[in-house]
Amino acid sequence: MSVLKVIEVLSSSPTSWEDAAQKAVEKASKSVKHIRSVYVQDQSAQVTNGSITEYRVNLKLTFEIE
């Protein structure tokens, strides 16, 4: 039987929401082992002078506890 835990992670990227999510998983995986899934809870963007300058995601990461 496995036990899973969920943590909330925030990330951003100047490129895209997908890139922000990928960066969050890559960074979290350096200290959190056995990541099973990611749920994108929220997406937002910062706008400067009529253009998007930063994509932001709020993720829930699920991982197995050893």
C-alpha atoms as a PDB file:
ATOM      1  CA  MET A   1       0.000   0.000   0.000  1.00  0.00           C
ATOM      2  CA  SER A   2       1.368   3.412  -0.878  1.00  0.00           C
ATOM      3  CA  VAL A   3       0.785   6.736   0.823  1.00  0.00           C
ATOM      4  CA  LEU A   4       0.666   9.872  -1.311  1.00  0.00           C
ATOM      5  CA  LYS A   5       1.153  13.498  -0.352  1.00  0.00           C
ATOM      6  CA  VAL A   6       0.177  16.679  -2.210  1.00  0.00           C
ATOM      7  CA  ILE A   7       2.109  19.940  -2.100  1.00  0.00           C
ATOM      8  CA  GLU A   8       1.413  23.261  -3.768  1.00  0.00           C
ATOM      9  CA  VAL A   9       4.092  24.830  -5.971  1.00  0.00           C
ATOM     10  CA  LEU A  10       4.198  28.186  -7.766  1.00  0.00           C
ATOM     11  CA  SER A  11       6.326  28.782 -10.862  1.00  0.00           C
ATOM     12  CA  SER A  12       6.758  31.282 -13.675  1.00  0.00           C
ATOM     13  CA  SER A  13       8.295  31.532 -17.132  1.00  0.00           C
ATOM     14  CA  PRO A  14       8.722  34.251 -19.740  1.00  0.00           C
ATOM     15  CA  THR A  15       7.921  31.656 -22.455  1.00  0.00           C
ATOM     16  CA  SER A  16       4.666  29.788 -21.692  1.00  0.00           C
ATOM     17  CA  TRP A  17       2.459  28.132 -19.060  1.00  0.00           C
ATOM     18  CA  GLU A  18       3.798  24.750 -20.176  1.00  0.00           C
ATOM     19  CA  ASP A  19       7.372  25.911 -19.608  1.00  0.00           C
ATOM     20  CA  ALA A  20       6.444  27.238 -16.158  1.00  0.00           C
ATOM     21  CA  ALA A  21       4.909  23.865 -15.250  1.00  0.00           C
ATOM     22  CA  GLN A  22       7.944  21.953 -16.562  1.00  0.00           C
ATOM     23  CA  LYS A  23      10.320  24.166 -14.579  1.00  0.00           C
ATOM     24  CA  ALA A  24       8.285  23.575 -11.416  1.00  0.00           C
ATOM     25  CA  VAL A  25       8.451  19.785 -11.823  1.00  0.00           C
ATOM     26  CA  GLU A  26      12.177  19.834 -12.643  1.00  0.00           C
ATOM     27  CA  LYS A  27      13.010  22.001  -9.622  1.00  0.00           C
ATOM     28  CA  ALA A  28      10.753  20.086  -7.220  1.00  0.00           C
ATOM     29  CA  SER A  29      12.163  16.740  -8.357  1.00  0.00           C
ATOM     30  CA  LYS A  30      15.583  17.766  -7.016  1.00  0.00           C
ATOM     31  CA  SER A  31      14.276  17.526  -3.440  1.00  0.00           C
ATOM     32  CA  VAL A  32      11.005  15.571  -3.767  1.00  0.00           C
ATOM     33  CA  LYS A  33      11.265  11.961  -4.903  1.00  0.00           C
ATOM     34  CA  HIS A  34       8.637   9.770  -6.575  1.00  0.00           C
ATOM     35  CA  ILE A  35       6.501  12.551  -8.120  1.00  0.00           C
ATOM     36  CA  ARG A  36       3.450  10.799  -9.584  1.00  0.00           C
ATOM     37  CA  SER A  37       1.347  13.585 -11.063  1.00  0.00           C
ATOM     38  CA  VAL A  38       0.865  17.304 -11.399  1.00  0.00           C
ATOM     39  CA  TYR A  39      -2.429  19.199 -11.419  1.00  0.00           C
ATOM     40  CA  VAL A  40      -2.464  22.737 -12.796  1.00  0.00           C
ATOM     41  CA  GLN A  41      -4.740  24.536 -10.379  1.00  0.00           C
ATOM     42  CA  ASP A  42      -4.375  28.100 -11.686  1.00  0.00           C
ATOM     43  CA  GLN A  43      -2.837  29.980 -14.567  1.00  0.00           C
ATOM     44  CA  SER A  44      -2.188  33.700 -14.708  1.00  0.00           C
ATOM     45  CA  ALA A  45       0.020  36.123 -16.580  1.00  0.00           C
ATOM     46  CA  GLN A  46       1.707  39.433 -15.945  1.00  0.00           C
ATOM     47  CA  VAL A  47       1.083  42.074 -18.590  1.00  0.00           C
ATOM     48  CA  THR A  48       3.348  45.036 -19.310  1.00  0.00           C
ATOM     49  CA  ASN A  49       2.564  47.625 -21.998  1.00  0.00           C
ATOM     50  CA  GLY A  50      -0.119  45.437 -23.546  1.00  0.00           C
ATOM     51  CA  SER A  51       2.014  42.284 -23.823  1.00  0.00           C
ATOM     52  CA  ILE A  52       2.370  39.199 -21.666  1.00  0.00           C
ATOM     53  CA  THR A  53       5.765  39.287 -19.967  1.00  0.00           C
ATOM     54  CA  GLU A  54       5.446  36.377 -17.548  1.00  0.00           C
ATOM     55  CA  TYR A  55       3.335  33.214 -17.433  1.00  0.00           C
ATOM     56  CA  ARG A  56       2.520  31.875 -13.958  1.00  0.00           C
ATOM     57  CA  VAL A  57       1.157  28.533 -12.769  1.00  0.00           C
ATOM     58  CA  ASN A  58      -0.038  27.240  -9.427  1.00  0.00           C
ATOM     59  CA  LEU A  59       0.469  23.464  -9.346  1.00  0.00           C
ATOM     60  CA  LYS A  60      -0.399  20.624  -7.028  1.00  0.00           C
ATOM     61  CA  LEU A  61       2.289  17.925  -7.083  1.00  0.00           C
ATOM     62  CA  THR A  62       1.433  14.429  -5.883  1.00  0.00           C
ATOM     63  CA  PHE A  63       4.239  12.176  -4.715  1.00  0.00           C
ATOM     64  CA  GLU A  64       4.655   8.883  -2.910  1.00  0.00           C
ATOM     65  CA  ILE A  65       5.970   8.890   0.659  1.00  0.00           C
ATOM     66  CA  GLU A  66       8.622   6.234   1.300  1.00  0.00           C
END
